[in-house]
């Protein structure tokens, strides 16, 4: 269950929310896969 062995991922908007999970809760989700993330969403707010 440690963060280094707990990942989150998805594609498109699923990739976008996975990036958010790793950025907002890195103590829980230590690794992230964003496949074709919808980076364009809301003026590229993810940046």
ModelCIF file with pLDDT and N, C-alpha, C, O atoms, coordinates in Angstrom:
data_MODEL
#
_entry.id   MODEL 
#
_entity.id                         1 
_entity.type                       polymer 
_entity.pdbx_number_of_molecules   1 
#
_entity_poly.entity_id                      1 
_entity_poly.type                           'polypeptide(L)' 
_entity_poly.nstd_linkage                   no 
_entity_poly.nstd_monomer                   no 
_entity_poly.pdbx_seq_one_letter_code       
;(UNK)(UNK)(UNK)(UNK)(UNK)(UNK)(UNK)(UNK)(UNK)(UNK)(UNK)(UNK)(UNK)(UNK)(UNK)(UNK)
(UNK)(UNK)(UNK)(UNK)(UNK)(UNK)(UNK)(UNK)(UNK)(UNK)(UNK)(UNK)(UNK)(UNK)(UNK)(UNK)
(UNK)(UNK)(UNK)(UNK)(UNK)(UNK)(UNK)(UNK)(UNK)(UNK)(UNK)(UNK)(UNK)(UNK)(UNK)
;
_entity_poly.pdbx_seq_one_letter_code_can   XXXXXXXXXXXXXXXXXXXXXXXXXXXXXXXXXXXXXXXXXXXXXXX 
_entity_poly.pdbx_strand_id                 A 
#
loop_
_entity_poly_seq.entity_id 
_entity_poly_seq.num 
_entity_poly_seq.mon_id 
_entity_poly_seq.hetero 
1 1  UNK n 
1 2  UNK n 
1 3  UNK n 
1 4  UNK n 
1 5  UNK n 
1 6  UNK n 
1 7  UNK n 
1 8  UNK n 
1 9  UNK n 
1 10 UNK n 
1 11 UNK n 
1 12 UNK n 
1 13 UNK n 
1 14 UNK n 
1 15 UNK n 
1 16 UNK n 
1 17 UNK n 
1 18 UNK n 
1 19 UNK n 
1 20 UNK n 
1 21 UNK n 
1 22 UNK n 
1 23 UNK n 
1 24 UNK n 
1 25 UNK n 
1 26 UNK n 
1 27 UNK n 
1 28 UNK n 
1 29 UNK n 
1 30 UNK n 
1 31 UNK n 
1 32 UNK n 
1 33 UNK n 
1 34 UNK n 
1 35 UNK n 
1 36 UNK n 
1 37 UNK n 
1 38 UNK n 
1 39 UNK n 
1 40 UNK n 
1 41 UNK n 
1 42 UNK n 
1 43 UNK n 
1 44 UNK n 
1 45 UNK n 
1 46 UNK n 
1 47 UNK n 
#
_struct_asym.id          A 
_struct_asym.entity_id   1 
#
loop_
_ma_qa_metric.id 
_ma_qa_metric.mode 
_ma_qa_metric.name 
_ma_qa_metric.software_group_id 
_ma_qa_metric.type 
1 global pLDDT . pLDDT 
2 local  pLDDT . pLDDT 
#
_ma_qa_metric_global.metric_id      1 
_ma_qa_metric_global.metric_value   97.72 
_ma_qa_metric_global.model_id       1 
_ma_qa_metric_global.ordinal_id     1 
#
loop_
_ma_qa_metric_local.label_asym_id 
_ma_qa_metric_local.label_comp_id 
_ma_qa_metric_local.label_seq_id 
_ma_qa_metric_local.metric_id 
_ma_qa_metric_local.metric_value 
_ma_qa_metric_local.model_id 
_ma_qa_metric_local.ordinal_id 
A UNK 1  2 98.00 1 1  
A UNK 2  2 98.00 1 2  
A UNK 3  2 97.00 1 3  
A UNK 4  2 97.00 1 4  
A UNK 5  2 98.00 1 5  
A UNK 6  2 98.00 1 6  
A UNK 7  2 98.00 1 7  
A UNK 8  2 98.00 1 8  
A UNK 9  2 98.00 1 9  
A UNK 10 2 98.00 1 10 
A UNK 11 2 98.00 1 11 
A UNK 12 2 98.00 1 12 
A UNK 13 2 98.00 1 13 
A UNK 14 2 98.00 1 14 
A UNK 15 2 98.00 1 15 
A UNK 16 2 98.00 1 16 
A UNK 17 2 98.00 1 17 
A UNK 18 2 98.00 1 18 
A UNK 19 2 98.00 1 19 
A UNK 20 2 98.00 1 20 
A UNK 21 2 98.00 1 21 
A UNK 22 2 97.00 1 22 
A UNK 23 2 97.00 1 23 
A UNK 24 2 96.00 1 24 
A UNK 25 2 97.00 1 25 
A UNK 26 2 97.00 1 26 
A UNK 27 2 97.00 1 27 
A UNK 28 2 98.00 1 28 
A UNK 29 2 98.00 1 29 
A UNK 30 2 98.00 1 30 
A UNK 31 2 98.00 1 31 
A UNK 32 2 98.00 1 32 
A UNK 33 2 98.00 1 33 
A UNK 34 2 98.00 1 34 
A UNK 35 2 98.00 1 35 
A UNK 36 2 98.00 1 36 
A UNK 37 2 98.00 1 37 
A UNK 38 2 98.00 1 38 
A UNK 39 2 98.00 1 39 
A UNK 40 2 98.00 1 40 
A UNK 41 2 98.00 1 41 
A UNK 42 2 98.00 1 42 
A UNK 43 2 97.00 1 43 
A UNK 44 2 98.00 1 44 
A UNK 45 2 97.00 1 45 
A UNK 46 2 97.00 1 46 
A UNK 47 2 97.00 1 47 
#
loop_
_atom_site.group_PDB 
_atom_site.id 
_atom_site.type_symbol 
_atom_site.label_atom_id 
_atom_site.label_alt_id 
_atom_site.label_comp_id 
_atom_site.label_asym_id 
_atom_site.label_entity_id 
_atom_site.label_seq_id 
_atom_site.pdbx_PDB_ins_code 
_atom_site.Cartn_x 
_atom_site.Cartn_y 
_atom_site.Cartn_z 
_atom_site.occupancy 
_atom_site.B_iso_or_equiv 
_atom_site.pdbx_formal_charge 
_atom_site.auth_seq_id 
_atom_site.auth_comp_id 
_atom_site.auth_asym_id 
_atom_site.auth_atom_id 
_atom_site.pdbx_PDB_model_num 
ATOM 1   N N  . UNK A 1 1  ? 0.770  -1.244 0.000   1.00 98.00 ? 1  UNK A N  1 
ATOM 2   C CA . UNK A 1 1  ? 0.000  0.000  0.000   1.00 98.00 ? 1  UNK A CA 1 
ATOM 3   C C  . UNK A 1 1  ? 0.799  1.291  0.000   1.00 98.00 ? 1  UNK A C  1 
ATOM 4   O O  . UNK A 1 1  ? 0.206  2.367  -0.080  1.00 98.00 ? 1  UNK A O  1 
ATOM 5   N N  . UNK A 1 2  ? 2.129  1.227  0.087   1.00 98.00 ? 2  UNK A N  1 
ATOM 6   C CA . UNK A 1 2  ? 2.926  2.450  0.151   1.00 98.00 ? 2  UNK A CA 1 
ATOM 7   C C  . UNK A 1 2  ? 2.826  3.230  -1.152  1.00 98.00 ? 2  UNK A C  1 
ATOM 8   O O  . UNK A 1 2  ? 2.451  2.675  -2.186  1.00 98.00 ? 2  UNK A O  1 
ATOM 9   N N  . UNK A 1 3  ? 3.157  4.503  -1.104  1.00 97.00 ? 3  UNK A N  1 
ATOM 10  C CA . UNK A 1 3  ? 2.968  5.344  -2.284  1.00 97.00 ? 3  UNK A CA 1 
ATOM 11  C C  . UNK A 1 3  ? 3.862  4.933  -3.441  1.00 97.00 ? 3  UNK A C  1 
ATOM 12  O O  . UNK A 1 3  ? 3.478  5.096  -4.600  1.00 97.00 ? 3  UNK A O  1 
ATOM 13  N N  . UNK A 1 4  ? 5.045  4.405  -3.156  1.00 97.00 ? 4  UNK A N  1 
ATOM 14  C CA . UNK A 1 4  ? 5.931  3.998  -4.247  1.00 97.00 ? 4  UNK A CA 1 
ATOM 15  C C  . UNK A 1 4  ? 5.413  2.769  -4.981  1.00 97.00 ? 4  UNK A C  1 
ATOM 16  O O  . UNK A 1 4  ? 5.856  2.482  -6.093  1.00 97.00 ? 4  UNK A O  1 
ATOM 17  N N  . UNK A 1 5  ? 4.479  2.039  -4.371  1.00 98.00 ? 5  UNK A N  1 
ATOM 18  C CA . UNK A 1 5  ? 3.890  0.875  -5.017  1.00 98.00 ? 5  UNK A CA 1 
ATOM 19  C C  . UNK A 1 5  ? 2.398  1.079  -5.281  1.00 98.00 ? 5  UNK A C  1 
ATOM 20  O O  . UNK A 1 5  ? 1.652  0.111  -5.431  1.00 98.00 ? 5  UNK A O  1 
ATOM 21  N N  . UNK A 1 6  ? 1.968  2.336  -5.338  1.00 98.00 ? 6  UNK A N  1 
ATOM 22  C CA . UNK A 1 6  ? 0.569  2.657  -5.643  1.00 98.00 ? 6  UNK A CA 1 
ATOM 23  C C  . UNK A 1 6  ? 0.545  3.672  -6.780  1.00 98.00 ? 6  UNK A C  1 
ATOM 24  O O  . UNK A 1 6  ? 1.048  4.787  -6.640  1.00 98.00 ? 6  UNK A O  1 
ATOM 25  N N  . UNK A 1 7  ? -0.045 3.275  -7.907  1.00 98.00 ? 7  UNK A N  1 
ATOM 26  C CA . UNK A 1 7  ? -0.084 4.150  -9.070  1.00 98.00 ? 7  UNK A CA 1 
ATOM 27  C C  . UNK A 1 7  ? -1.499 4.487  -9.481  1.00 98.00 ? 7  UNK A C  1 
ATOM 28  O O  . UNK A 1 7  ? -2.459 3.846  -9.054  1.00 98.00 ? 7  UNK A O  1 
ATOM 29  N N  . UNK A 1 8  ? -1.612 5.507  -10.318 1.00 98.00 ? 8  UNK A N  1 
ATOM 30  C CA . UNK A 1 8  ? -2.891 5.957  -10.836 1.00 98.00 ? 8  UNK A CA 1 
ATOM 31  C C  . UNK A 1 8  ? -2.688 6.316  -12.298 1.00 98.00 ? 8  UNK A C  1 
ATOM 32  O O  . UNK A 1 8  ? -1.652 6.869  -12.668 1.00 98.00 ? 8  UNK A O  1 
ATOM 33  N N  . UNK A 1 9  ? -3.686 5.999  -13.140 1.00 98.00 ? 9  UNK A N  1 
ATOM 34  C CA . UNK A 1 9  ? -3.497 6.272  -14.557 1.00 98.00 ? 9  UNK A CA 1 
ATOM 35  C C  . UNK A 1 9  ? -4.798 6.280  -15.322 1.00 98.00 ? 9  UNK A C  1 
ATOM 36  O O  . UNK A 1 9  ? -5.852 5.889  -14.819 1.00 98.00 ? 9  UNK A O  1 
ATOM 37  N N  . UNK A 1 10 ? -4.690 6.742  -16.563 1.00 98.00 ? 10 UNK A N  1 
ATOM 38  C CA . UNK A 1 10 ? -5.838 6.775  -17.440 1.00 98.00 ? 10 UNK A CA 1 
ATOM 39  C C  . UNK A 1 10 ? -5.499 7.493  -18.722 1.00 98.00 ? 10 UNK A C  1 
ATOM 40  O O  . UNK A 1 10 ? -4.371 7.943  -18.921 1.00 98.00 ? 10 UNK A O  1 
ATOM 41  N N  . UNK A 1 11 ? -6.497 7.596  -19.601 1.00 98.00 ? 11 UNK A N  1 
ATOM 42  C CA . UNK A 1 11 ? -6.300 8.250  -20.892 1.00 98.00 ? 11 UNK A CA 1 
ATOM 43  C C  . UNK A 1 11 ? -7.275 9.398  -21.048 1.00 98.00 ? 11 UNK A C  1 
ATOM 44  O O  . UNK A 1 11 ? -8.351 9.407  -20.449 1.00 98.00 ? 11 UNK A O  1 
ATOM 45  N N  . UNK A 1 12 ? -6.881 10.373 -21.867 1.00 98.00 ? 12 UNK A N  1 
ATOM 46  C CA . UNK A 1 12 ? -7.708 11.532 -22.160 1.00 98.00 ? 12 UNK A CA 1 
ATOM 47  C C  . UNK A 1 12 ? -8.066 12.247 -20.860 1.00 98.00 ? 12 UNK A C  1 
ATOM 48  O O  . UNK A 1 12 ? -7.163 12.609 -20.107 1.00 98.00 ? 12 UNK A O  1 
ATOM 49  N N  . UNK A 1 13 ? -9.351 12.464 -20.568 1.00 98.00 ? 13 UNK A N  1 
ATOM 50  C CA . UNK A 1 13 ? -9.709 13.077 -19.287 1.00 98.00 ? 13 UNK A CA 1 
ATOM 51  C C  . UNK A 1 13 ? -9.311 12.185 -18.113 1.00 98.00 ? 13 UNK A C  1 
ATOM 52  O O  . UNK A 1 13 ? -9.025 12.680 -17.023 1.00 98.00 ? 13 UNK A O  1 
ATOM 53  N N  . UNK A 1 14 ? -9.295 10.867 -18.337 1.00 98.00 ? 14 UNK A N  1 
ATOM 54  C CA . UNK A 1 14 ? -8.813 9.958  -17.305 1.00 98.00 ? 14 UNK A CA 1 
ATOM 55  C C  . UNK A 1 14 ? -7.346 10.172 -16.999 1.00 98.00 ? 14 UNK A C  1 
ATOM 56  O O  . UNK A 1 14 ? -6.922 10.023 -15.853 1.00 98.00 ? 14 UNK A O  1 
ATOM 57  N N  . UNK A 1 15 ? -6.559 10.522 -18.021 1.00 98.00 ? 15 UNK A N  1 
ATOM 58  C CA . UNK A 1 15 ? -5.162 10.878 -17.786 1.00 98.00 ? 15 UNK A CA 1 
ATOM 59  C C  . UNK A 1 15 ? -5.034 12.191 -17.055 1.00 98.00 ? 15 UNK A C  1 
ATOM 60  O O  . UNK A 1 15 ? -4.151 12.365 -16.215 1.00 98.00 ? 15 UNK A O  1 
ATOM 61  N N  . UNK A 1 16 ? -5.931 13.127 -17.380 1.00 98.00 ? 16 UNK A N  1 
ATOM 62  C CA . UNK A 1 16 ? -5.907 14.434 -16.726 1.00 98.00 ? 16 UNK A CA 1 
ATOM 63  C C  . UNK A 1 16 ? -6.182 14.302 -15.229 1.00 98.00 ? 16 UNK A C  1 
ATOM 64  O O  . UNK A 1 16 ? -5.463 14.884 -14.417 1.00 98.00 ? 16 UNK A O  1 
ATOM 65  N N  . UNK A 1 17 ? -7.211 13.543 -14.856 1.00 98.00 ? 17 UNK A N  1 
ATOM 66  C CA . UNK A 1 17 ? -7.532 13.410 -13.433 1.00 98.00 ? 17 UNK A CA 1 
ATOM 67  C C  . UNK A 1 17 ? -6.476 12.568 -12.718 1.00 98.00 ? 17 UNK A C  1 
ATOM 68  O O  . UNK A 1 17 ? -6.271 12.736 -11.516 1.00 98.00 ? 17 UNK A O  1 
ATOM 69  N N  . UNK A 1 18 ? -5.806 11.669 -13.432 1.00 98.00 ? 18 UNK A N  1 
ATOM 70  C CA . UNK A 1 18 ? -4.731 10.898 -12.814 1.00 98.00 ? 18 UNK A CA 1 
ATOM 71  C C  . UNK A 1 18 ? -3.546 11.799 -12.490 1.00 98.00 ? 18 UNK A C  1 
ATOM 72  O O  . UNK A 1 18 ? -2.936 11.662 -11.429 1.00 98.00 ? 18 UNK A O  1 
ATOM 73  N N  . UNK A 1 19 ? -3.213 12.725 -13.397 1.00 98.00 ? 19 UNK A N  1 
ATOM 74  C CA . UNK A 1 19 ? -2.180 13.705 -13.086 1.00 98.00 ? 19 UNK A CA 1 
ATOM 75  C C  . UNK A 1 19 ? -2.562 14.528 -11.859 1.00 98.00 ? 19 UNK A C  1 
ATOM 76  O O  . UNK A 1 19 ? -1.722 14.816 -11.006 1.00 98.00 ? 19 UNK A O  1 
ATOM 77  N N  . UNK A 1 20 ? -3.844 14.904 -11.780 1.00 98.00 ? 20 UNK A N  1 
ATOM 78  C CA . UNK A 1 20 ? -4.311 15.666 -10.622 1.00 98.00 ? 20 UNK A CA 1 
ATOM 79  C C  . UNK A 1 20 ? -4.174 14.849 -9.342  1.00 98.00 ? 20 UNK A C  1 
ATOM 80  O O  . UNK A 1 20 ? -3.800 15.387 -8.300  1.00 98.00 ? 20 UNK A O  1 
ATOM 81  N N  . UNK A 1 21 ? -4.475 13.550 -9.413  1.00 98.00 ? 21 UNK A N  1 
ATOM 82  C CA . UNK A 1 21 ? -4.356 12.694 -8.237  1.00 98.00 ? 21 UNK A CA 1 
ATOM 83  C C  . UNK A 1 21 ? -2.924 12.642 -7.735  1.00 98.00 ? 21 UNK A C  1 
ATOM 84  O O  . UNK A 1 21 ? -2.679 12.726 -6.532  1.00 98.00 ? 21 UNK A O  1 
ATOM 85  N N  . UNK A 1 22 ? -1.980 12.504 -8.653  1.00 97.00 ? 22 UNK A N  1 
ATOM 86  C CA . UNK A 1 22 ? -0.577 12.412 -8.232  1.00 97.00 ? 22 UNK A CA 1 
ATOM 87  C C  . UNK A 1 22 ? -0.032 13.753 -7.771  1.00 97.00 ? 22 UNK A C  1 
ATOM 88  O O  . UNK A 1 22 ? 0.872  13.798 -6.936  1.00 97.00 ? 22 UNK A O  1 
ATOM 89  N N  . UNK A 1 23 ? -0.571 14.850 -8.304  1.00 97.00 ? 23 UNK A N  1 
ATOM 90  C CA . UNK A 1 23 ? -0.108 16.179 -7.896  1.00 97.00 ? 23 UNK A CA 1 
ATOM 91  C C  . UNK A 1 23 ? -0.742 16.618 -6.581  1.00 97.00 ? 23 UNK A C  1 
ATOM 92  O O  . UNK A 1 23 ? -0.080 17.229 -5.742  1.00 97.00 ? 23 UNK A O  1 
ATOM 93  N N  . UNK A 1 24 ? -2.030 16.307 -6.401  1.00 96.00 ? 24 UNK A N  1 
ATOM 94  C CA . UNK A 1 24 ? -2.738 16.748 -5.204  1.00 96.00 ? 24 UNK A CA 1 
ATOM 95  C C  . UNK A 1 24 ? -2.599 15.771 -4.043  1.00 96.00 ? 24 UNK A C  1 
ATOM 96  O O  . UNK A 1 24 ? -2.695 16.175 -2.884  1.00 96.00 ? 24 UNK A O  1 
ATOM 97  N N  . UNK A 1 25 ? -2.376 14.506 -4.334  1.00 97.00 ? 25 UNK A N  1 
ATOM 98  C CA . UNK A 1 25 ? -2.269 13.484 -3.285  1.00 97.00 ? 25 UNK A CA 1 
ATOM 99  C C  . UNK A 1 25 ? -1.064 12.580 -3.534  1.00 97.00 ? 25 UNK A C  1 
ATOM 100 O O  . UNK A 1 25 ? -1.213 11.363 -3.643  1.00 97.00 ? 25 UNK A O  1 
ATOM 101 N N  . UNK A 1 26 ? 0.128  13.171 -3.625  1.00 97.00 ? 26 UNK A N  1 
ATOM 102 C CA . UNK A 1 26 ? 1.313  12.354 -3.904  1.00 97.00 ? 26 UNK A CA 1 
ATOM 103 C C  . UNK A 1 26 ? 1.695  11.448 -2.743  1.00 97.00 ? 26 UNK A C  1 
ATOM 104 O O  . UNK A 1 26 ? 2.448  10.493 -2.930  1.00 97.00 ? 26 UNK A O  1 
ATOM 105 N N  . UNK A 1 27 ? 1.189  11.733 -1.549  1.00 97.00 ? 27 UNK A N  1 
ATOM 106 C CA . UNK A 1 27 ? 1.453  10.849 -0.418  1.00 97.00 ? 27 UNK A CA 1 
ATOM 107 C C  . UNK A 1 27 ? 0.716  9.521  -0.569  1.00 97.00 ? 27 UNK A C  1 
ATOM 108 O O  . UNK A 1 27 ? 1.060  8.543  0.094   1.00 97.00 ? 27 UNK A O  1 
ATOM 109 N N  . UNK A 1 28 ? -0.291 9.482  -1.434  1.00 98.00 ? 28 UNK A N  1 
ATOM 110 C CA . UNK A 1 28 ? -1.080 8.267  -1.674  1.00 98.00 ? 28 UNK A CA 1 
ATOM 111 C C  . UNK A 1 28 ? -0.710 7.617  -2.995  1.00 98.00 ? 28 UNK A C  1 
ATOM 112 O O  . UNK A 1 28 ? -0.459 6.413  -3.049  1.00 98.00 ? 28 UNK A O  1 
ATOM 113 N N  . UNK A 1 29 ? -0.674 8.412  -4.067  1.00 98.00 ? 29 UNK A N  1 
ATOM 114 C CA . UNK A 1 29 ? -0.392 7.898  -5.410  1.00 98.00 ? 29 UNK A CA 1 
ATOM 115 C C  . UNK A 1 29 ? 0.994  8.375  -5.831  1.00 98.00 ? 29 UNK A C  1 
ATOM 116 O O  . UNK A 1 29 ? 1.175  9.524  -6.237  1.00 98.00 ? 29 UNK A O  1 
ATOM 117 N N  . UNK A 1 30 ? 1.973  7.467  -5.727  1.00 98.00 ? 30 UNK A N  1 
ATOM 118 C CA . UNK A 1 30 ? 3.358  7.873  -5.958  1.00 98.00 ? 30 UNK A CA 1 
ATOM 119 C C  . UNK A 1 30 ? 3.786  7.857  -7.401  1.00 98.00 ? 30 UNK A C  1 
ATOM 120 O O  . UNK A 1 30 ? 4.758  8.520  -7.762  1.00 98.00 ? 30 UNK A O  1 
ATOM 121 N N  . UNK A 1 31 ? 3.073  7.101  -8.253  1.00 98.00 ? 31 UNK A N  1 
ATOM 122 C CA . UNK A 1 31 ? 3.449  7.027  -9.670  1.00 98.00 ? 31 UNK A CA 1 
ATOM 123 C C  . UNK A 1 31 ? 2.203  7.247  -10.511 1.00 98.00 ? 31 UNK A C  1 
ATOM 124 O O  . UNK A 1 31 ? 1.094  6.931  -10.082 1.00 98.00 ? 31 UNK A O  1 
ATOM 125 N N  . UNK A 1 32 ? 2.388  7.796  -11.722 1.00 98.00 ? 32 UNK A N  1 
ATOM 126 C CA . UNK A 1 32 ? 1.237  8.181  -12.536 1.00 98.00 ? 32 UNK A CA 1 
ATOM 127 C C  . UNK A 1 32 ? 1.509  7.932  -14.006 1.00 98.00 ? 32 UNK A C  1 
ATOM 128 O O  . UNK A 1 32 ? 2.614  8.158  -14.500 1.00 98.00 ? 32 UNK A O  1 
ATOM 129 N N  . UNK A 1 33 ? 0.473  7.457  -14.700 1.00 98.00 ? 33 UNK A N  1 
ATOM 130 C CA . UNK A 1 33 ? 0.517  7.287  -16.153 1.00 98.00 ? 33 UNK A CA 1 
ATOM 131 C C  . UNK A 1 33 ? -0.603 8.108  -16.770 1.00 98.00 ? 33 UNK A C  1 
ATOM 132 O O  . UNK A 1 33 ? -1.778 7.875  -16.487 1.00 98.00 ? 33 UNK A O  1 
ATOM 133 N N  . UNK A 1 34 ? -0.242 9.062  -17.607 1.00 98.00 ? 34 UNK A N  1 
ATOM 134 C CA . UNK A 1 34 ? -1.221 9.894  -18.316 1.00 98.00 ? 34 UNK A CA 1 
ATOM 135 C C  . UNK A 1 34 ? -1.052 9.648  -19.805 1.00 98.00 ? 34 UNK A C  1 
ATOM 136 O O  . UNK A 1 34 ? -0.135 10.182 -20.429 1.00 98.00 ? 34 UNK A O  1 
ATOM 137 N N  . UNK A 1 35 ? -1.932 8.845  -20.370 1.00 98.00 ? 35 UNK A N  1 
ATOM 138 C CA . UNK A 1 35 ? -1.875 8.504  -21.796 1.00 98.00 ? 35 UNK A CA 1 
ATOM 139 C C  . UNK A 1 35 ? -2.783 9.466  -22.555 1.00 98.00 ? 35 UNK A C  1 
ATOM 140 O O  . UNK A 1 35 ? -3.982 9.545  -22.286 1.00 98.00 ? 35 UNK A O  1 
ATOM 141 N N  . UNK A 1 36 ? -2.212 10.185 -23.492 1.00 98.00 ? 36 UNK A N  1 
ATOM 142 C CA . UNK A 1 36 ? -2.951 11.192 -24.260 1.00 98.00 ? 36 UNK A CA 1 
ATOM 143 C C  . UNK A 1 36 ? -3.807 12.076 -23.360 1.00 98.00 ? 36 UNK A C  1 
ATOM 144 O O  . UNK A 1 36 ? -5.007 12.215 -23.597 1.00 98.00 ? 36 UNK A O  1 
ATOM 145 N N  . UNK A 1 37 ? -3.206 12.678 -22.326 1.00 98.00 ? 37 UNK A N  1 
ATOM 146 C CA . UNK A 1 37 ? -4.019 13.463 -21.399 1.00 98.00 ? 37 UNK A CA 1 
ATOM 147 C C  . UNK A 1 37 ? -4.649 14.667 -22.089 1.00 98.00 ? 37 UNK A C  1 
ATOM 148 O O  . UNK A 1 37 ? -4.093 15.215 -23.041 1.00 98.00 ? 37 UNK A O  1 
ATOM 149 N N  . UNK A 1 38 ? -5.823 15.072 -21.595 1.00 98.00 ? 38 UNK A N  1 
ATOM 150 C CA . UNK A 1 38 ? -6.534 16.228 -22.149 1.00 98.00 ? 38 UNK A CA 1 
ATOM 151 C C  . UNK A 1 38 ? -5.943 17.508 -21.560 1.00 98.00 ? 38 UNK A C  1 
ATOM 152 O O  . UNK A 1 38 ? -6.603 18.241 -20.823 1.00 98.00 ? 38 UNK A O  1 
ATOM 153 N N  . UNK A 1 39 ? -4.696 17.748 -21.902 1.00 98.00 ? 39 UNK A N  1 
ATOM 154 C CA . UNK A 1 39 ? -3.958 18.894 -21.346 1.00 98.00 ? 39 UNK A CA 1 
ATOM 155 C C  . UNK A 1 39 ? -4.618 20.216 -21.721 1.00 98.00 ? 39 UNK A C  1 
ATOM 156 O O  . UNK A 1 39 ? -4.444 21.212 -21.019 1.00 98.00 ? 39 UNK A O  1 
ATOM 157 N N  . UNK A 1 40 ? -5.357 20.239 -22.794 1.00 98.00 ? 40 UNK A N  1 
ATOM 158 C CA . UNK A 1 40 ? -6.000 21.455 -23.283 1.00 98.00 ? 40 UNK A CA 1 
ATOM 159 C C  . UNK A 1 40 ? -7.098 21.960 -22.354 1.00 98.00 ? 40 UNK A C  1 
ATOM 160 O O  . UNK A 1 40 ? -7.490 23.123 -22.449 1.00 98.00 ? 40 UNK A O  1 
ATOM 161 N N  . UNK A 1 41 ? -7.596 21.126 -21.470 1.00 98.00 ? 41 UNK A N  1 
ATOM 162 C CA . UNK A 1 41 ? -8.772 21.457 -20.664 1.00 98.00 ? 41 UNK A CA 1 
ATOM 163 C C  . UNK A 1 41 ? -8.580 22.764 -19.875 1.00 98.00 ? 41 UNK A C  1 
ATOM 164 O O  . UNK A 1 41 ? -7.550 22.961 -19.231 1.00 98.00 ? 41 UNK A O  1 
ATOM 165 N N  . UNK A 1 42 ? -9.563 23.637 -19.931 1.00 98.00 ? 42 UNK A N  1 
ATOM 166 C CA . UNK A 1 42 ? -9.611 24.890 -19.179 1.00 98.00 ? 42 UNK A CA 1 
ATOM 167 C C  . UNK A 1 42 ? -8.317 25.699 -19.339 1.00 98.00 ? 42 UNK A C  1 
ATOM 168 O O  . UNK A 1 42 ? -7.684 26.092 -18.358 1.00 98.00 ? 42 UNK A O  1 
ATOM 169 N N  . UNK A 1 43 ? -7.945 25.934 -20.601 1.00 97.00 ? 43 UNK A N  1 
ATOM 170 C CA . UNK A 1 43 ? -6.765 26.761 -20.845 1.00 97.00 ? 43 UNK A CA 1 
ATOM 171 C C  . UNK A 1 43 ? -5.478 26.172 -20.315 1.00 97.00 ? 43 UNK A C  1 
ATOM 172 O O  . UNK A 1 43 ? -4.592 26.895 -19.860 1.00 97.00 ? 43 UNK A O  1 
ATOM 173 N N  . UNK A 1 44 ? -5.374 24.820 -20.377 1.00 98.00 ? 44 UNK A N  1 
ATOM 174 C CA . UNK A 1 44 ? -4.179 24.096 -19.920 1.00 98.00 ? 44 UNK A CA 1 
ATOM 175 C C  . UNK A 1 44 ? -3.923 24.337 -18.433 1.00 98.00 ? 44 UNK A C  1 
ATOM 176 O O  . UNK A 1 44 ? -2.788 24.568 -18.017 1.00 98.00 ? 44 UNK A O  1 
ATOM 177 N N  . UNK A 1 45 ? -4.995 24.280 -17.639 1.00 97.00 ? 45 UNK A N  1 
ATOM 178 C CA . UNK A 1 45 ? -4.878 24.513 -16.199 1.00 97.00 ? 45 UNK A CA 1 
ATOM 179 C C  . UNK A 1 45 ? -3.948 23.508 -15.526 1.00 97.00 ? 45 UNK A C  1 
ATOM 180 O O  . UNK A 1 45 ? -3.360 23.813 -14.489 1.00 97.00 ? 45 UNK A O  1 
ATOM 181 N N  . UNK A 1 46 ? -3.809 22.324 -16.098 1.00 97.00 ? 46 UNK A N  1 
ATOM 182 C CA . UNK A 1 46 ? -2.953 21.310 -15.489 1.00 97.00 ? 46 UNK A CA 1 
ATOM 183 C C  . UNK A 1 46 ? -1.500 21.766 -15.429 1.00 97.00 ? 46 UNK A C  1 
ATOM 184 O O  . UNK A 1 46 ? -0.755 21.325 -14.554 1.00 97.00 ? 46 UNK A O  1 
ATOM 185 N N  . UNK A 1 47 ? -1.086 22.635 -16.336 1.00 97.00 ? 47 UNK A N  1 
ATOM 186 C CA . UNK A 1 47 ? 0.304  23.111 -16.291 1.00 97.00 ? 47 UNK A CA 1 
ATOM 187 C C  . UNK A 1 47 ? 0.573  23.866 -14.994 1.00 97.00 ? 47 UNK A C  1 
ATOM 188 O O  . UNK A 1 47 ? 1.687  24.341 -14.776 1.00 97.00 ? 47 UNK A O  1 
#
